[in-house]
C-alpha cells in the first residue's frame, strides 16, 4: 500500500520514549523516537523504524522470534 503513513494509524501509543503506530492494511508497525524542536522552535518528527509485518510473518522463525521478545518483557 503506497503512502500508508499519510493515513491515520489503526492503533497508536506514545510511551514517552517511543511512539508506536500500527497500520493494519499495510501490514506495518512503526516505532519512532518522540517529536522534538529544532533551534527555531519548529517541531520535527523523531527518527522512525518501520517493521514489515508480512515479511516477519513469512520469515522462518519470525513469529517465534517476536513472541519470544514479547514473552520476555511481559
C-alpha atoms as a PDB file:
ATOM      1  CA  UNK A   1       0.000   0.000   0.000  1.00  0.00           C
ATOM      2  CA  UNK A   2       1.576   3.221  -1.176  1.00  0.00           C
ATOM      3  CA  UNK A   3       1.860   6.183   1.223  1.00  0.00           C
ATOM      4  CA  UNK A   4       0.150   4.273   4.040  1.00  0.00           C
ATOM      5  CA  UNK A   5       1.708   6.631   6.624  1.00  0.00           C
ATOM      6  CA  UNK A   6      -0.356   9.519   5.285  1.00  0.00           C
ATOM      7  CA  UNK A   7      -3.473   7.903   6.774  1.00  0.00           C
ATOM      8  CA  UNK A   8      -4.241   7.710  10.466  1.00  0.00           C
ATOM      9  CA  UNK A   9      -2.866   4.532  12.036  1.00  0.00           C
ATOM     10  CA  UNK A  10      -5.281   1.816  13.178  1.00  0.00           C
ATOM     11  CA  UNK A  11      -3.664   1.927  16.613  1.00  0.00           C
ATOM     12  CA  UNK A  12      -1.128   4.230  18.253  1.00  0.00           C
ATOM     13  CA  UNK A  13       0.521   4.533  21.653  1.00  0.00           C
ATOM     14  CA  UNK A  14       3.012   7.086  22.933  1.00  0.00           C
ATOM     15  CA  UNK A  15       5.139   5.630  25.731  1.00  0.00           C
ATOM     16  CA  UNK A  16       7.070   8.844  26.297  1.00  0.00           C
ATOM     17  CA  UNK A  17      10.209   7.174  24.976  1.00  0.00           C
ATOM     18  CA  UNK A  18       8.733   5.919  21.714  1.00  0.00           C
ATOM     19  CA  UNK A  19       5.624   6.253  19.575  1.00  0.00           C
ATOM     20  CA  UNK A  20       4.216   3.008  18.151  1.00  0.00           C
ATOM     21  CA  UNK A  21       1.870   3.153  15.140  1.00  0.00           C
ATOM     22  CA  UNK A  22       0.145   0.130  13.606  1.00  0.00           C
ATOM     23  CA  UNK A  23      -1.152   0.189  10.024  1.00  0.00           C
ATOM     24  CA  UNK A  24      -3.226  -2.967   9.626  1.00  0.00           C
ATOM     25  CA  UNK A  25      -3.992  -2.780   5.891  1.00  0.00           C
ATOM     26  CA  UNK A  26      -0.361  -2.047   5.000  1.00  0.00           C
ATOM     27  CA  UNK A  27       0.976  -4.660   7.427  1.00  0.00           C
ATOM     28  CA  UNK A  28       3.394  -2.174   9.016  1.00  0.00           C
ATOM     29  CA  UNK A  29       4.436  -1.340  12.554  1.00  0.00           C
ATOM     30  CA  UNK A  30       6.299   1.926  13.032  1.00  0.00           C
ATOM     31  CA  UNK A  31       8.419   2.754  16.052  1.00  0.00           C
ATOM     32  CA  UNK A  32       9.502   6.385  16.367  1.00  0.00           C
ATOM     33  CA  UNK A  33      11.510   8.487  18.754  1.00  0.00           C
ATOM     34  CA  UNK A  34       9.465  11.361  20.208  1.00  0.00           C
ATOM     35  CA  UNK A  35       8.981  14.568  18.262  1.00  0.00           C
ATOM     36  CA  UNK A  36      11.500  17.290  19.028  1.00  0.00           C
ATOM     37  CA  UNK A  37      12.010  21.009  18.420  1.00  0.00           C
ATOM     38  CA  UNK A  38      14.849  22.474  16.408  1.00  0.00           C
ATOM     39  CA  UNK A  39      16.656  25.657  17.466  1.00  0.00           C
ATOM     40  CA  UNK A  40      13.995  27.734  15.703  1.00  0.00           C
ATOM     41  CA  UNK A  41      11.212  26.060  17.689  1.00  0.00           C
ATOM     42  CA  UNK A  42       9.887  24.018  14.749  1.00  0.00           C
ATOM     43  CA  UNK A  43       8.517  20.617  15.737  1.00  0.00           C
ATOM     44  CA  UNK A  44      10.242  17.735  13.941  1.00  0.00           C
ATOM     45  CA  UNK A  45       9.303  14.050  13.822  1.00  0.00           C
ATOM     46  CA  UNK A  46      11.633  11.643  15.600  1.00  0.00           C
ATOM     47  CA  UNK A  47      13.591   9.035  13.679  1.00  0.00           C
ATOM     48  CA  UNK A  48      11.318   6.189  12.622  1.00  0.00           C
ATOM     49  CA  UNK A  49      11.833   2.485  12.026  1.00  0.00           C
ATOM     50  CA  UNK A  50       9.208   0.524  10.091  1.00  0.00           C
ATOM     51  CA  UNK A  51       8.738  -3.210  10.573  1.00  0.00           C
ATOM     52  CA  UNK A  52       7.181  -5.050   7.628  1.00  0.00           C
ATOM     53  CA  UNK A  53       4.927  -7.477   9.472  1.00  0.00           C
ATOM     54  CA  UNK A  54       4.244  -9.603   6.370  1.00  0.00           C
ATOM     55  CA  UNK A  55       7.976 -10.208   5.939  1.00  0.00           C
ATOM     56  CA  UNK A  56       8.322 -11.040   9.617  1.00  0.00           C
ATOM     57  CA  UNK A  57       5.427 -13.490   9.384  1.00  0.00           C
ATOM     58  CA  UNK A  58       6.882 -15.155   6.284  1.00  0.00           C
ATOM     59  CA  UNK A  59      10.433 -15.426   7.674  1.00  0.00           C
ATOM     60  CA  UNK A  60      11.414 -18.817   9.039  1.00  0.00           C
ATOM     61  CA  UNK A  61      11.053 -18.384  12.800  1.00  0.00           C
ATOM     62  CA  UNK A  62       9.920 -14.753  12.510  1.00  0.00           C
ATOM     63  CA  UNK A  63       6.783 -15.024  14.621  1.00  0.00           C
ATOM     64  CA  UNK A  64       8.525 -17.197  17.186  1.00  0.00           C
ATOM     65  CA  UNK A  65      11.271 -14.566  17.441  1.00  0.00           C
ATOM     66  CA  UNK A  66       8.753 -11.793  18.089  1.00  0.00           C
ATOM     67  CA  UNK A  67       6.776 -13.929  20.541  1.00  0.00           C
ATOM     68  CA  UNK A  68       9.979 -14.716  22.465  1.00  0.00           C
ATOM     69  CA  UNK A  69      10.691 -10.995  22.892  1.00  0.00           C
ATOM     70  CA  UNK A  70       7.109 -10.252  23.971  1.00  0.00           C
ATOM     71  CA  UNK A  71       7.206 -13.095  26.496  1.00  0.00           C
ATOM     72  CA  UNK A  72      10.433 -11.734  27.977  1.00  0.00           C
ATOM     73  CA  UNK A  73       9.087  -8.223  28.504  1.00  0.00           C
ATOM     74  CA  UNK A  74       5.626  -9.280  29.735  1.00  0.00           C
END
